[in-house]
Amino acid sequence: MSGDDTSPASRPSPLDLTLAVAHARALRAAGEPRRAAAVLDAAFGGEGRGSERARRDALVLRAQLALELRGAGRA
């Protein structure tokens, strides 16, 4: 078996946006806003599955994290 196997079983499945939002909220509460943002970015980059509500929640949380990170950079 070669190291460049791209069969469907070897590729990661898209991250569920509901799980990504929950994980990002936990990371944010733990004082890890950069990691929380990275989780959401990965979910969007992987075309994560989710309802319209989950997509909205993810977008709102990502925007809040961007503002937090921008504010932290100024301090």
Protein backbone atom coordinates (compact mmCIF):
# COMPACT_ATOMS: atom_id res chain seq x y z
CA MET A 1 0.00 0.00 0.00
CA SER A 2 1.45 3.39 -0.97
CA GLY A 3 1.55 6.45 1.27
CA ASP A 4 -0.57 8.47 -1.14
CA ASP A 5 -3.75 6.40 -0.87
CA THR A 6 -6.71 8.68 -1.61
CA SER A 7 -9.50 6.15 -1.38
CA PRO A 8 -12.68 7.46 0.26
CA ALA A 9 -11.98 5.41 3.38
CA SER A 10 -8.59 7.10 3.88
CA ARG A 11 -9.87 10.68 3.54
CA PRO A 12 -11.29 12.39 6.64
CA SER A 13 -15.01 12.99 6.54
CA PRO A 14 -16.24 16.59 6.73
CA LEU A 15 -16.54 17.88 10.25
CA ASP A 16 -20.07 18.26 11.54
CA LEU A 17 -20.57 21.99 12.17
CA THR A 18 -22.64 21.35 15.30
CA LEU A 19 -19.74 19.42 16.84
CA ALA A 20 -17.27 22.03 15.64
CA VAL A 21 -19.25 24.83 17.31
CA ALA A 22 -19.47 22.87 20.57
CA HIS A 23 -15.74 22.15 20.50
CA ALA A 24 -14.90 25.76 19.64
CA ARG A 25 -17.07 27.05 22.49
CA ALA A 26 -15.30 24.74 24.92
CA LEU A 27 -11.89 25.90 23.69
CA ARG A 28 -12.94 29.53 23.94
CA ALA A 29 -14.16 29.00 27.52
CA ALA A 30 -10.81 27.37 28.31
CA GLY A 31 -9.00 30.50 27.15
CA GLU A 32 -7.93 29.13 23.76
CA PRO A 33 -9.55 31.48 21.22
CA ARG A 34 -6.92 30.79 18.53
CA ARG A 35 -7.53 27.04 18.73
CA ALA A 36 -11.29 27.63 18.73
CA ALA A 37 -10.97 29.70 15.56
CA ALA A 38 -8.82 27.00 13.97
CA VAL A 39 -11.50 24.37 14.67
CA LEU A 40 -14.14 26.48 12.94
CA ASP A 41 -11.83 27.30 10.04
CA ALA A 42 -11.17 23.59 9.53
CA ALA A 43 -14.90 22.85 9.59
CA PHE A 44 -15.59 25.49 6.94
CA GLY A 45 -12.54 24.50 4.90
CA GLY A 46 -13.70 20.90 4.86
CA GLU A 47 -17.20 21.96 3.83
CA GLY A 48 -18.61 20.74 7.10
CA ARG A 49 -22.11 19.35 7.23
CA GLY A 50 -24.79 21.11 9.20
CA SER A 51 -28.13 22.81 9.24
CA GLU A 52 -28.60 26.48 8.43
CA ARG A 53 -28.79 27.16 12.16
CA ALA A 54 -25.48 25.36 12.75
CA ARG A 55 -23.88 27.35 9.92
CA ARG A 56 -25.21 30.60 11.39
CA ASP A 57 -23.97 29.69 14.89
CA ALA A 58 -20.55 28.80 13.48
CA LEU A 59 -20.32 32.07 11.53
CA VAL A 60 -21.38 34.17 14.53
CA LEU A 61 -18.91 32.42 16.83
CA ARG A 62 -16.11 32.78 14.27
CA ALA A 63 -16.85 36.51 13.96
CA GLN A 64 -16.81 36.90 17.76
CA LEU A 65 -13.49 35.06 17.93
CA ALA A 66 -12.04 37.28 15.21
CA LEU A 67 -12.99 40.37 17.21
CA GLU A 68 -11.52 38.88 20.41
CA LEU A 69 -8.29 37.96 18.66
CA ARG A 70 -8.04 41.37 17.03
CA GLY A 71 -8.60 43.06 20.39
CA ALA A 72 -6.02 40.81 22.07
CA GLY A 73 -3.47 41.82 19.44
CA ARG A 74 -3.86 45.48 20.36
CA ALA A 75 -3.42 45.01 24.10
